[in-house]
Amino acid sequence: MKLYYSRLFLLLISASFIIMPCHADSRLSTFEIKNLLRHKIANVIELAENPQIITEVIQRNQLNQSLDDIKKIDNEWKNYTSDHPVIQSMHSSKAGAYLKSRVEDKDSVFSEIFLTDMQGANITAWPITSDYWQGDEAKWNRSYNNGKGEIHIGKLEFDESSQHNAIQVSVPIMNNGVAIGVLIAGIKISYIQAKYLNSKYKN
């Protein structure tokens, strides 16, 4: 793990926390969730450090797609079918195929993984997300952090795209010390619950 991400990771684990509901019979603090997730956060960071992923983000940013064009696609997104050229291009890239394989692996704890450019537009996603532009969402803005980059852990939610209860972990894609995009991965809640219950029974 590179020094930059190591510093962010340590800050994340040692930060102050609030209480969040996890399931009906108990409550996990964000601190407990972060500790349970720490190995999977490290896996997401490894994805964000993958040269293939970084190269794909750099190439997308070089297209200089306007925000107006991004918003136009976002407005039309729900009408796109799986054979639409935009969606086809997202799935045909090497990064797209790689991230899809990480989600579809039989032992995967990921409910979804999606990659965005420096404006929050999707580069690739599996499964396909419910919207194209992530730049108007808090998770993306907190992780991109005006180009400074920050690891962000969201709340437990039911994700319509993947049809799983999950917690989203957002990690910036860094290049020469600057955030150039964001990778967001959903961690299935069933994994978190199992790890939590196992740790309780061992104590």
N, C-alpha and C. Protein backbone atom coordinates (compact mmCIF):
# COMPACT_ATOMS: atom_id res chain seq x y z
N MET A 1 0.84 -1.19 0.00
CA MET A 1 0.00 0.00 0.00
C MET A 1 0.88 1.24 0.00
N LYS A 2 0.66 2.15 -0.93
CA LYS A 2 1.50 3.33 -1.03
C LYS A 2 1.34 4.23 0.19
N LEU A 3 2.36 5.06 0.43
CA LEU A 3 2.39 5.91 1.61
C LEU A 3 1.17 6.80 1.70
N TYR A 4 0.72 7.36 0.56
CA TYR A 4 -0.43 8.26 0.58
C TYR A 4 -1.66 7.54 1.13
N TYR A 5 -1.95 6.34 0.59
CA TYR A 5 -3.12 5.60 1.04
C TYR A 5 -2.94 5.10 2.46
N SER A 6 -1.72 4.74 2.84
CA SER A 6 -1.47 4.31 4.21
C SER A 6 -1.83 5.41 5.19
N ARG A 7 -1.47 6.64 4.86
CA ARG A 7 -1.79 7.77 5.75
C ARG A 7 -3.30 7.97 5.84
N LEU A 8 -3.99 7.92 4.70
CA LEU A 8 -5.45 8.07 4.70
C LEU A 8 -6.11 6.95 5.49
N PHE A 9 -5.58 5.74 5.33
CA PHE A 9 -6.15 4.57 5.99
C PHE A 9 -6.02 4.70 7.51
N LEU A 10 -4.87 5.12 7.98
CA LEU A 10 -4.67 5.29 9.42
C LEU A 10 -5.56 6.40 9.98
N LEU A 11 -5.71 7.48 9.23
CA LEU A 11 -6.59 8.56 9.67
C LEU A 11 -8.02 8.08 9.74
N LEU A 12 -8.42 7.26 8.78
CA LEU A 12 -9.78 6.75 8.73
C LEU A 12 -10.09 5.88 9.93
N ILE A 13 -9.19 4.95 10.24
CA ILE A 13 -9.43 4.01 11.33
C ILE A 13 -9.38 4.70 12.69
N SER A 14 -8.57 5.76 12.81
CA SER A 14 -8.39 6.40 14.13
C SER A 14 -9.30 7.61 14.33
N ALA A 15 -10.17 7.91 13.37
CA ALA A 15 -11.02 9.10 13.47
C ALA A 15 -12.13 8.91 14.50
N SER A 16 -12.85 10.00 14.82
CA SER A 16 -14.00 9.92 15.74
C SER A 16 -15.20 9.37 14.97
N PHE A 17 -16.16 8.75 15.70
CA PHE A 17 -17.22 8.02 15.03
C PHE A 17 -18.58 8.30 15.62
N ILE A 18 -19.62 7.94 14.81
CA ILE A 18 -21.00 8.05 15.24
C ILE A 18 -21.60 6.65 15.26
N ILE A 19 -22.78 6.51 15.86
CA ILE A 19 -23.44 5.20 15.92
C ILE A 19 -24.33 5.02 14.70
N MET A 20 -24.25 3.82 14.10
CA MET A 20 -25.05 3.50 12.93
C MET A 20 -25.75 2.17 13.16
N PRO A 21 -27.01 2.02 12.68
CA PRO A 21 -27.68 0.72 12.80
C PRO A 21 -27.10 -0.29 11.83
N CYS A 22 -26.98 -1.54 12.28
CA CYS A 22 -26.50 -2.59 11.39
C CYS A 22 -27.58 -3.64 11.17
N HIS A 23 -28.13 -4.18 12.25
CA HIS A 23 -29.23 -5.13 12.10
C HIS A 23 -30.11 -5.03 13.33
N ALA A 24 -31.20 -5.78 13.35
CA ALA A 24 -32.25 -5.56 14.33
C ALA A 24 -31.79 -5.77 15.77
N ASP A 25 -30.87 -6.71 16.02
CA ASP A 25 -30.55 -7.09 17.38
C ASP A 25 -29.34 -6.40 17.98
N SER A 26 -28.63 -5.62 17.21
CA SER A 26 -27.46 -4.95 17.76
C SER A 26 -27.16 -3.70 16.95
N ARG A 27 -26.26 -2.87 17.49
CA ARG A 27 -25.85 -1.66 16.79
C ARG A 27 -24.32 -1.64 16.73
N LEU A 28 -23.82 -1.35 15.55
CA LEU A 28 -22.37 -1.24 15.35
C LEU A 28 -22.01 0.22 15.25
N SER A 29 -20.99 0.63 15.98
CA SER A 29 -20.48 1.98 15.78
C SER A 29 -19.72 2.02 14.47
N THR A 30 -19.51 3.20 13.92
CA THR A 30 -18.72 3.32 12.69
C THR A 30 -17.31 2.80 12.93
N PHE A 31 -16.79 2.97 14.15
CA PHE A 31 -15.46 2.44 14.48
C PHE A 31 -15.43 0.93 14.30
N GLU A 32 -16.47 0.23 14.82
CA GLU A 32 -16.52 -1.23 14.69
C GLU A 32 -16.64 -1.64 13.22
N ILE A 33 -17.48 -0.92 12.49
CA ILE A 33 -17.65 -1.22 11.07
C ILE A 33 -16.34 -1.04 10.33
N LYS A 34 -15.63 0.05 10.63
CA LYS A 34 -14.36 0.30 9.94
C LYS A 34 -13.32 -0.77 10.26
N ASN A 35 -13.33 -1.25 11.50
CA ASN A 35 -12.39 -2.31 11.85
C ASN A 35 -12.76 -3.62 11.15
N LEU A 36 -14.06 -3.90 11.08
CA LEU A 36 -14.50 -5.10 10.38
C LEU A 36 -14.19 -5.02 8.89
N LEU A 37 -14.22 -3.81 8.37
CA LEU A 37 -14.02 -3.60 6.94
C LEU A 37 -12.57 -3.36 6.55
N ARG A 38 -11.67 -3.27 7.51
CA ARG A 38 -10.34 -2.75 7.20
C ARG A 38 -9.62 -3.56 6.12
N HIS A 39 -9.81 -4.88 6.12
CA HIS A 39 -9.14 -5.69 5.10
C HIS A 39 -9.75 -5.44 3.73
N LYS A 40 -11.08 -5.24 3.70
CA LYS A 40 -11.74 -5.00 2.43
C LYS A 40 -11.46 -3.58 1.93
N ILE A 41 -11.30 -2.63 2.86
CA ILE A 41 -10.88 -1.29 2.46
C ILE A 41 -9.52 -1.37 1.79
N ALA A 42 -8.64 -2.19 2.37
CA ALA A 42 -7.30 -2.38 1.78
C ALA A 42 -7.41 -2.96 0.38
N ASN A 43 -8.38 -3.86 0.16
CA ASN A 43 -8.59 -4.44 -1.17
C ASN A 43 -9.05 -3.38 -2.17
N VAL A 44 -9.93 -2.48 -1.70
CA VAL A 44 -10.41 -1.41 -2.57
C VAL A 44 -9.26 -0.47 -2.93
N ILE A 45 -8.40 -0.19 -1.94
CA ILE A 45 -7.23 0.64 -2.19
C ILE A 45 -6.31 0.00 -3.22
N GLU A 46 -6.13 -1.32 -3.12
CA GLU A 46 -5.32 -2.03 -4.11
C GLU A 46 -5.89 -1.88 -5.51
N LEU A 47 -7.22 -1.92 -5.63
CA LEU A 47 -7.85 -1.69 -6.93
C LEU A 47 -7.54 -0.28 -7.44
N ALA A 48 -7.63 0.69 -6.53
CA ALA A 48 -7.39 2.08 -6.91
C ALA A 48 -5.94 2.33 -7.32
N GLU A 49 -5.02 1.48 -6.83
CA GLU A 49 -3.60 1.61 -7.17
C GLU A 49 -3.23 0.85 -8.44
N ASN A 50 -4.15 0.05 -8.96
CA ASN A 50 -3.88 -0.77 -10.14
C ASN A 50 -3.52 0.11 -11.34
N PRO A 51 -2.34 -0.07 -11.95
CA PRO A 51 -1.93 0.79 -13.07
C PRO A 51 -2.93 0.79 -14.23
N GLN A 52 -3.59 -0.33 -14.46
CA GLN A 52 -4.59 -0.42 -15.52
C GLN A 52 -5.76 0.50 -15.24
N ILE A 53 -6.18 0.54 -13.97
CA ILE A 53 -7.28 1.42 -13.56
C ILE A 53 -6.87 2.88 -13.70
N ILE A 54 -5.67 3.21 -13.21
CA ILE A 54 -5.18 4.59 -13.27
C ILE A 54 -5.07 5.05 -14.72
N THR A 55 -4.54 4.20 -15.59
CA THR A 55 -4.40 4.54 -17.00
C THR A 55 -5.74 4.82 -17.65
N GLU A 56 -6.74 4.00 -17.32
CA GLU A 56 -8.07 4.20 -17.91
C GLU A 56 -8.68 5.54 -17.47
N VAL A 57 -8.45 5.91 -16.21
CA VAL A 57 -8.97 7.20 -15.72
C VAL A 57 -8.25 8.35 -16.42
N ILE A 58 -6.94 8.25 -16.56
CA ILE A 58 -6.18 9.29 -17.25
C ILE A 58 -6.68 9.46 -18.68
N GLN A 59 -6.88 8.36 -19.37
CA GLN A 59 -7.35 8.41 -20.75
C GLN A 59 -8.73 9.03 -20.85
N ARG A 60 -9.61 8.71 -19.92
CA ARG A 60 -10.95 9.32 -19.94
C ARG A 60 -10.87 10.82 -19.70
N ASN A 61 -10.07 11.23 -18.73
CA ASN A 61 -9.96 12.66 -18.44
C ASN A 61 -9.40 13.44 -19.63
N GLN A 62 -8.57 12.79 -20.42
CA GLN A 62 -7.98 13.45 -21.59
C GLN A 62 -9.01 13.75 -22.67
N LEU A 63 -10.18 13.11 -22.60
CA LEU A 63 -11.24 13.37 -23.57
C LEU A 63 -11.91 14.72 -23.33
N ASN A 64 -11.71 15.27 -22.10
CA ASN A 64 -12.27 16.59 -21.76
C ASN A 64 -13.78 16.66 -22.04
N GLN A 65 -14.49 15.64 -21.61
CA GLN A 65 -15.95 15.63 -21.76
C GLN A 65 -16.55 16.77 -20.95
N SER A 66 -17.43 17.53 -21.57
CA SER A 66 -18.01 18.69 -20.88
C SER A 66 -19.03 18.22 -19.85
N LEU A 67 -19.21 19.03 -18.80
CA LEU A 67 -20.18 18.70 -17.76
C LEU A 67 -21.59 18.70 -18.33
N ASP A 68 -21.86 19.56 -19.32
CA ASP A 68 -23.18 19.58 -19.97
C ASP A 68 -23.46 18.26 -20.66
N ASP A 69 -22.44 17.71 -21.34
CA ASP A 69 -22.61 16.41 -22.01
C ASP A 69 -22.82 15.30 -20.99
N ILE A 70 -22.09 15.37 -19.89
CA ILE A 70 -22.24 14.38 -18.83
C ILE A 70 -23.66 14.41 -18.26
N LYS A 71 -24.15 15.59 -18.00
CA LYS A 71 -25.51 15.73 -17.43
C LYS A 71 -26.57 15.29 -18.43
N LYS A 72 -26.31 15.51 -19.71
CA LYS A 72 -27.26 15.06 -20.74
C LYS A 72 -27.36 13.54 -20.74
N ILE A 73 -26.21 12.87 -20.69
CA ILE A 73 -26.21 11.40 -20.62
C ILE A 73 -26.90 10.94 -19.34
N ASP A 74 -26.63 11.64 -18.23
CA ASP A 74 -27.23 11.28 -16.95
C ASP A 74 -28.75 11.36 -17.01
N ASN A 75 -29.26 12.39 -17.67
CA ASN A 75 -30.71 12.57 -17.79
C ASN A 75 -31.35 11.48 -18.65
N GLU A 76 -30.58 10.95 -19.59
CA GLU A 76 -31.11 9.92 -20.50
C GLU A 76 -30.78 8.50 -20.03
N TRP A 77 -30.00 8.40 -18.96
CA TRP A 77 -29.41 7.14 -18.52
C TRP A 77 -30.42 6.03 -18.30
N LYS A 78 -31.52 6.33 -17.65
CA LYS A 78 -32.51 5.30 -17.32
C LYS A 78 -33.16 4.70 -18.56
N ASN A 79 -33.06 5.39 -19.70
CA ASN A 79 -33.64 4.88 -20.95
C ASN A 79 -32.66 4.02 -21.73
N TYR A 80 -31.40 3.98 -21.28
CA TYR A 80 -30.39 3.20 -22.00
C TYR A 80 -30.59 1.71 -21.72
N THR A 81 -30.48 0.91 -22.77
CA THR A 81 -30.53 -0.55 -22.63
C THR A 81 -29.10 -1.09 -22.63
N SER A 82 -28.96 -2.37 -22.34
CA SER A 82 -27.63 -2.96 -22.21
C SER A 82 -26.83 -2.93 -23.50
N ASP A 83 -27.51 -2.77 -24.64
CA ASP A 83 -26.79 -2.72 -25.92
C ASP A 83 -26.49 -1.30 -26.38
N HIS A 84 -26.77 -0.31 -25.52
CA HIS A 84 -26.45 1.08 -25.88
C HIS A 84 -24.93 1.25 -25.95
N PRO A 85 -24.43 2.00 -26.94
CA PRO A 85 -22.98 2.16 -27.11
C PRO A 85 -22.24 2.64 -25.86
N VAL A 86 -22.85 3.54 -25.08
CA VAL A 86 -22.19 4.04 -23.88
C VAL A 86 -21.98 2.91 -22.87
N ILE A 87 -23.02 2.11 -22.67
CA ILE A 87 -22.92 0.99 -21.72
C ILE A 87 -21.99 -0.09 -22.27
N GLN A 88 -22.08 -0.36 -23.56
CA GLN A 88 -21.20 -1.35 -24.17
C GLN A 88 -19.73 -0.97 -24.00
N SER A 89 -19.43 0.31 -24.18
CA SER A 89 -18.04 0.77 -24.04
C SER A 89 -17.55 0.64 -22.60
N MET A 90 -18.45 0.82 -21.64
CA MET A 90 -18.09 0.70 -20.24
C MET A 90 -17.71 -0.73 -19.88
N HIS A 91 -18.35 -1.70 -20.54
CA HIS A 91 -18.13 -3.10 -20.21
C HIS A 91 -17.07 -3.77 -21.06
N SER A 92 -16.70 -3.13 -22.17
CA SER A 92 -15.76 -3.76 -23.09
C SER A 92 -14.29 -3.44 -22.78
N SER A 93 -14.06 -2.48 -21.93
CA SER A 93 -12.68 -2.11 -21.60
C SER A 93 -12.03 -3.16 -20.71
N LYS A 94 -10.69 -3.15 -20.66
CA LYS A 94 -9.96 -4.08 -19.80
C LYS A 94 -10.30 -3.84 -18.33
N ALA A 95 -10.38 -2.56 -17.95
CA ALA A 95 -10.71 -2.24 -16.55
C ALA A 95 -12.12 -2.70 -16.23
N GLY A 96 -13.04 -2.53 -17.19
CA GLY A 96 -14.42 -2.95 -16.98
C GLY A 96 -14.53 -4.46 -16.78
N ALA A 97 -13.81 -5.21 -17.62
CA ALA A 97 -13.82 -6.67 -17.50
C ALA A 97 -13.21 -7.12 -16.18
N TYR A 98 -12.15 -6.43 -15.76
CA TYR A 98 -11.47 -6.79 -14.51
C TYR A 98 -12.37 -6.53 -13.30
N LEU A 99 -13.00 -5.36 -13.25
CA LEU A 99 -13.87 -5.04 -12.12
C LEU A 99 -15.09 -5.96 -12.09
N LYS A 100 -15.61 -6.28 -13.26
CA LYS A 100 -16.74 -7.22 -13.33
C LYS A 100 -16.34 -8.56 -12.73
N SER A 101 -15.14 -9.03 -13.05
CA SER A 101 -14.68 -10.33 -12.52
C SER A 101 -14.55 -10.29 -11.00
N ARG A 102 -14.17 -9.14 -10.46
CA ARG A 102 -14.03 -9.03 -9.00
C ARG A 102 -15.39 -9.09 -8.31
N VAL A 103 -16.42 -8.55 -8.95
CA VAL A 103 -17.77 -8.58 -8.37
C VAL A 103 -18.39 -9.96 -8.53
N GLU A 104 -18.19 -10.59 -9.67
CA GLU A 104 -18.88 -11.84 -9.98
C GLU A 104 -18.17 -13.08 -9.45
N ASP A 105 -16.97 -12.92 -8.90
CA ASP A 105 -16.30 -14.06 -8.28
C ASP A 105 -17.20 -14.67 -7.22
N LYS A 106 -17.26 -16.00 -7.18
CA LYS A 106 -18.21 -16.67 -6.27
C LYS A 106 -17.98 -16.35 -4.80
N ASP A 107 -16.75 -15.97 -4.44
CA ASP A 107 -16.44 -15.65 -3.06
C ASP A 107 -16.37 -14.13 -2.81
N SER A 108 -16.84 -13.37 -3.79
CA SER A 108 -16.71 -11.92 -3.69
C SER A 108 -17.59 -11.35 -2.58
N VAL A 109 -17.05 -10.38 -1.85
CA VAL A 109 -17.85 -9.64 -0.87
C VAL A 109 -18.33 -8.32 -1.47
N PHE A 110 -17.97 -8.08 -2.72
CA PHE A 110 -18.38 -6.84 -3.38
C PHE A 110 -19.75 -6.99 -4.02
N SER A 111 -20.65 -6.07 -3.73
CA SER A 111 -21.95 -6.04 -4.39
C SER A 111 -21.88 -5.27 -5.70
N GLU A 112 -20.94 -4.36 -5.79
CA GLU A 112 -20.77 -3.53 -6.99
C GLU A 112 -19.41 -2.85 -6.92
N ILE A 113 -18.91 -2.48 -8.08
CA ILE A 113 -17.72 -1.63 -8.15
C ILE A 113 -17.92 -0.70 -9.34
N PHE A 114 -17.70 0.59 -9.13
CA PHE A 114 -17.73 1.49 -10.27
C PHE A 114 -16.63 2.54 -10.17
N LEU A 115 -16.20 2.97 -11.35
CA LEU A 115 -15.05 3.85 -11.49
C LEU A 115 -15.47 5.12 -12.21
N THR A 116 -15.04 6.28 -11.68
CA THR A 116 -15.43 7.55 -12.30
C THR A 116 -14.21 8.39 -12.66
N ASP A 117 -14.47 9.38 -13.52
CA ASP A 117 -13.41 10.32 -13.88
C ASP A 117 -13.38 11.48 -12.90
N MET A 118 -12.63 12.53 -13.22
CA MET A 118 -12.44 13.64 -12.30
C MET A 118 -13.67 14.54 -12.17
N GLN A 119 -14.69 14.30 -13.01
CA GLN A 119 -15.94 15.05 -12.89
C GLN A 119 -17.06 14.21 -12.29
N GLY A 120 -16.76 12.94 -12.03
CA GLY A 120 -17.76 12.06 -11.43
C GLY A 120 -18.56 11.26 -12.43
N ALA A 121 -18.19 11.31 -13.72
CA ALA A 121 -18.88 10.52 -14.74
C ALA A 121 -18.37 9.08 -14.71
N ASN A 122 -19.28 8.13 -14.89
CA ASN A 122 -18.87 6.73 -14.90
C ASN A 122 -17.93 6.42 -16.05
N ILE A 123 -16.87 5.68 -15.72
CA ILE A 123 -15.99 5.13 -16.75
C ILE A 123 -16.37 3.68 -16.99
N THR A 124 -16.58 2.94 -15.90
CA THR A 124 -17.07 1.58 -15.97
C THR A 124 -17.79 1.27 -14.67
N ALA A 125 -18.69 0.29 -14.73
CA ALA A 125 -19.45 -0.07 -13.53
C ALA A 125 -20.02 -1.48 -13.70
N TRP A 126 -19.98 -2.24 -12.62
CA TRP A 126 -20.64 -3.55 -12.61
C TRP A 126 -21.23 -3.83 -11.24
N PRO A 127 -22.56 -4.10 -11.18
CA PRO A 127 -23.52 -3.96 -12.28
C PRO A 127 -23.70 -2.50 -12.66
N ILE A 128 -24.43 -2.26 -13.70
CA ILE A 128 -24.61 -0.88 -14.16
C ILE A 128 -25.30 -0.07 -13.07
N THR A 129 -24.87 1.15 -12.86
CA THR A 129 -25.42 1.99 -11.79
C THR A 129 -26.76 2.61 -12.20
N SER A 130 -27.50 3.09 -11.23
CA SER A 130 -28.81 3.68 -11.51
C SER A 130 -28.69 5.07 -12.11
N ASP A 131 -27.50 5.69 -12.00
CA ASP A 131 -27.27 6.97 -12.67
C ASP A 131 -25.84 6.99 -13.23
N TYR A 132 -25.62 7.89 -14.16
CA TYR A 132 -24.33 7.97 -14.86
C TYR A 132 -23.37 8.91 -14.16
N TRP A 133 -23.89 10.01 -13.65
CA TRP A 133 -23.05 11.04 -13.03
C TRP A 133 -23.10 10.92 -11.52
N GLN A 134 -21.94 10.71 -10.92
CA GLN A 134 -21.83 10.60 -9.47
C GLN A 134 -21.37 11.92 -8.82
N GLY A 135 -21.01 12.89 -9.66
CA GLY A 135 -20.40 14.13 -9.16
C GLY A 135 -21.30 14.99 -8.31
N ASP A 136 -22.61 14.69 -8.30
CA ASP A 136 -23.53 15.46 -7.47
C ASP A 136 -23.84 14.75 -6.16
N GLU A 137 -23.13 13.64 -5.89
CA GLU A 137 -23.40 12.86 -4.69
C GLU A 137 -22.31 13.09 -3.64
N ALA A 138 -22.74 13.07 -2.37
CA ALA A 138 -21.82 13.39 -1.26
C ALA A 138 -20.64 12.43 -1.21
N LYS A 139 -20.90 11.14 -1.45
CA LYS A 139 -19.81 10.16 -1.34
C LYS A 139 -18.70 10.46 -2.33
N TRP A 140 -19.09 10.88 -3.53
CA TRP A 140 -18.08 11.17 -4.55
C TRP A 140 -17.31 12.44 -4.17
N ASN A 141 -18.03 13.47 -3.79
CA ASN A 141 -17.38 14.74 -3.45
C ASN A 141 -16.46 14.62 -2.25
N ARG A 142 -16.84 13.81 -1.27
CA ARG A 142 -15.99 13.63 -0.09
C ARG A 142 -14.72 12.85 -0.44
N SER A 143 -14.85 11.89 -1.33
CA SER A 143 -13.68 11.10 -1.71
C SER A 143 -12.76 11.87 -2.66
N TYR A 144 -13.35 12.58 -3.61
CA TYR A 144 -12.54 13.39 -4.53
C TYR A 144 -11.88 14.55 -3.77
N ASN A 145 -12.66 15.17 -2.87
CA ASN A 145 -12.13 16.17 -1.93
C ASN A 145 -11.36 17.28 -2.64
N ASN A 146 -11.97 17.84 -3.70
CA ASN A 146 -11.35 18.94 -4.44
C ASN A 146 -9.95 18.60 -4.95
N GLY A 147 -9.78 17.33 -5.33
CA GLY A 147 -8.50 16.91 -5.87
C GLY A 147 -7.48 16.45 -4.84
N LYS A 148 -7.83 16.55 -3.56
CA LYS A 148 -6.91 16.14 -2.50
C LYS A 148 -7.03 14.65 -2.18
N GLY A 149 -8.20 14.09 -2.40
CA GLY A 149 -8.43 12.67 -2.15
C GLY A 149 -8.70 12.35 -0.69
N GLU A 150 -9.65 11.45 -0.46
CA GLU A 150 -9.99 11.02 0.90
C GLU A 150 -10.75 9.71 0.81
N ILE A 151 -10.48 8.78 1.71
CA ILE A 151 -11.26 7.55 1.78
C ILE A 151 -12.55 7.83 2.52
N HIS A 152 -13.66 7.43 1.93
CA HIS A 152 -14.97 7.71 2.54
C HIS A 152 -15.76 6.42 2.68
N ILE A 153 -16.37 6.21 3.86
CA ILE A 153 -17.24 5.06 4.10
C ILE A 153 -18.65 5.57 4.30
N GLY A 154 -19.57 5.06 3.50
CA GLY A 154 -20.96 5.50 3.57
C GLY A 154 -21.76 4.73 4.61
N LYS A 155 -23.04 5.04 4.70
CA LYS A 155 -23.94 4.37 5.62
C LYS A 155 -24.47 3.08 4.99
N LEU A 156 -24.97 2.21 5.84
CA LEU A 156 -25.62 0.99 5.38
C LEU A 156 -26.87 1.35 4.59
N GLU A 157 -26.94 0.86 3.36
CA GLU A 157 -28.08 1.18 2.49
C GLU A 157 -28.44 -0.02 1.63
N PHE A 158 -29.67 0.00 1.11
CA PHE A 158 -30.06 -0.98 0.10
C PHE A 158 -29.81 -0.34 -1.25
N ASP A 159 -28.93 -0.97 -2.03
CA ASP A 159 -28.57 -0.43 -3.33
C ASP A 159 -29.45 -1.03 -4.42
N GLU A 160 -30.17 -0.17 -5.14
CA GLU A 160 -31.08 -0.64 -6.17
C GLU A 160 -30.34 -1.28 -7.34
N SER A 161 -29.17 -0.76 -7.68
CA SER A 161 -28.42 -1.27 -8.82
C SER A 161 -28.02 -2.73 -8.61
N SER A 162 -27.48 -3.03 -7.41
CA SER A 162 -26.96 -4.37 -7.15
C SER A 162 -27.94 -5.27 -6.40
N GLN A 163 -29.03 -4.67 -5.86
CA GLN A 163 -30.03 -5.42 -5.09
C GLN A 163 -29.43 -6.08 -3.86
N HIS A 164 -28.53 -5.36 -3.18
CA HIS A 164 -27.89 -5.86 -1.95
C HIS A 164 -27.90 -4.77 -0.89
N ASN A 165 -28.03 -5.18 0.39
CA ASN A 165 -27.71 -4.27 1.48
C ASN A 165 -26.19 -4.16 1.52
N ALA A 166 -25.68 -2.95 1.49
CA ALA A 166 -24.23 -2.78 1.38
C ALA A 166 -23.78 -1.45 1.97
N ILE A 167 -22.49 -1.40 2.25
CA ILE A 167 -21.85 -0.15 2.64
C ILE A 167 -20.86 0.20 1.54
N GLN A 168 -20.95 1.42 1.02
CA GLN A 168 -20.07 1.84 -0.06
C GLN A 168 -18.78 2.45 0.49
N VAL A 169 -17.66 1.97 -0.05
CA VAL A 169 -16.35 2.51 0.29
C VAL A 169 -15.83 3.24 -0.95
N SER A 170 -15.54 4.53 -0.79
CA SER A 170 -15.06 5.35 -1.91
C SER A 170 -13.59 5.70 -1.70
N VAL A 171 -12.78 5.40 -2.71
CA VAL A 171 -11.33 5.62 -2.63
C VAL A 171 -10.90 6.44 -3.84
N PRO A 172 -10.13 7.52 -3.64
CA PRO A 172 -9.70 8.33 -4.77
C PRO A 172 -8.67 7.60 -5.63
N ILE A 173 -8.70 7.87 -6.92
CA ILE A 173 -7.66 7.42 -7.83
C ILE A 173 -6.62 8.55 -7.87
N MET A 174 -5.40 8.25 -7.43
CA MET A 174 -4.38 9.28 -7.31
C MET A 174 -3.33 9.15 -8.41
N ASN A 175 -2.88 10.30 -8.90
CA ASN A 175 -1.81 10.34 -9.89
C ASN A 175 -0.93 11.56 -9.59
N ASN A 176 0.33 11.31 -9.25
CA ASN A 176 1.24 12.40 -8.89
C ASN A 176 0.68 13.27 -7.76
N GLY A 177 0.07 12.61 -6.78
CA GLY A 177 -0.41 13.30 -5.59
C GLY A 177 -1.72 14.04 -5.75
N VAL A 178 -2.39 13.86 -6.89
CA VAL A 178 -3.65 14.55 -7.16
C VAL A 178 -4.73 13.53 -7.47
N ALA A 179 -5.92 13.74 -6.91
CA ALA A 179 -7.05 12.85 -7.22
C ALA A 179 -7.54 13.13 -8.63
N ILE A 180 -7.61 12.06 -9.44
CA ILE A 180 -8.05 12.21 -10.83
C ILE A 180 -9.36 11.47 -11.09
N GLY A 181 -9.87 10.80 -10.10
CA GLY A 181 -11.11 10.05 -10.21
C GLY A 181 -11.41 9.37 -8.89
N VAL A 182 -12.46 8.58 -8.86
CA VAL A 182 -12.86 7.89 -7.64
C VAL A 182 -13.33 6.48 -8.00
N LEU A 183 -12.91 5.51 -7.19
CA LEU A 183 -13.41 4.14 -7.30
C LEU A 183 -14.30 3.86 -6.10
N ILE A 184 -15.51 3.39 -6.36
CA ILE A 184 -16.49 3.13 -5.31
C ILE A 184 -16.88 1.67 -5.33
N ALA A 185 -16.77 1.00 -4.19
CA ALA A 185 -17.10 -0.42 -4.08
C ALA A 185 -18.12 -0.63 -2.98
N GLY A 186 -19.14 -1.43 -3.26
CA GLY A 186 -20.13 -1.80 -2.26
C GLY A 186 -19.70 -3.08 -1.57
N ILE A 187 -19.70 -3.08 -0.23
CA ILE A 187 -19.36 -4.27 0.56
C ILE A 187 -20.66 -4.87 1.08
N LYS A 188 -20.92 -6.12 0.75
CA LYS A 188 -22.17 -6.76 1.16
C LYS A 188 -22.29 -6.80 2.68
N ILE A 189 -23.47 -6.48 3.18
CA ILE A 189 -23.67 -6.42 4.62
C ILE A 189 -23.61 -7.80 5.25
N SER A 190 -23.93 -8.85 4.51
CA SER A 190 -23.87 -10.19 5.07
C SER A 190 -22.46 -10.53 5.53
N TYR A 191 -21.46 -10.06 4.81
CA TYR A 191 -20.07 -10.26 5.19
C TYR A 191 -19.77 -9.56 6.50
N ILE A 192 -20.21 -8.32 6.64
CA ILE A 192 -19.96 -7.53 7.84
C ILE A 192 -20.61 -8.20 9.05
N GLN A 193 -21.85 -8.65 8.89
CA GLN A 193 -22.55 -9.30 9.99
C GLN A 193 -21.83 -10.57 10.44
N ALA A 194 -21.40 -11.37 9.49
CA ALA A 194 -20.71 -12.62 9.83
C ALA A 194 -19.42 -12.35 10.59
N LYS A 195 -18.64 -11.40 10.12
CA LYS A 195 -17.39 -11.05 10.79
C LYS A 195 -17.67 -10.54 12.21
N TYR A 196 -18.71 -9.74 12.34
CA TYR A 196 -19.05 -9.17 13.64
C TYR A 196 -19.48 -10.27 14.62
N LEU A 197 -20.36 -11.16 14.17
CA LEU A 197 -20.84 -12.22 15.04
C LEU A 197 -19.72 -13.17 15.42
N ASN A 198 -18.83 -13.50 14.47
CA ASN A 198 -17.71 -14.37 14.78
C ASN A 198 -16.81 -13.77 15.84
N SER A 199 -16.57 -12.47 15.73
CA SER A 199 -15.69 -11.80 16.69
C SER A 199 -16.33 -11.78 18.07
N LYS A 200 -17.66 -11.67 18.14
CA LYS A 200 -18.36 -11.67 19.43
C LYS A 200 -18.24 -13.04 20.10
N TYR A 201 -18.42 -14.10 19.32
CA TYR A 201 -18.40 -15.45 19.90
C TYR A 201 -17.02 -15.88 20.34
N LYS A 202 -15.98 -15.29 19.75
CA LYS A 202 -14.60 -15.63 20.11
C LYS A 202 -14.17 -14.96 21.40
N ASN A 203 -14.87 -13.88 21.78
CA ASN A 203 -14.48 -13.12 22.98
C ASN A 203 -15.12 -13.70 24.24
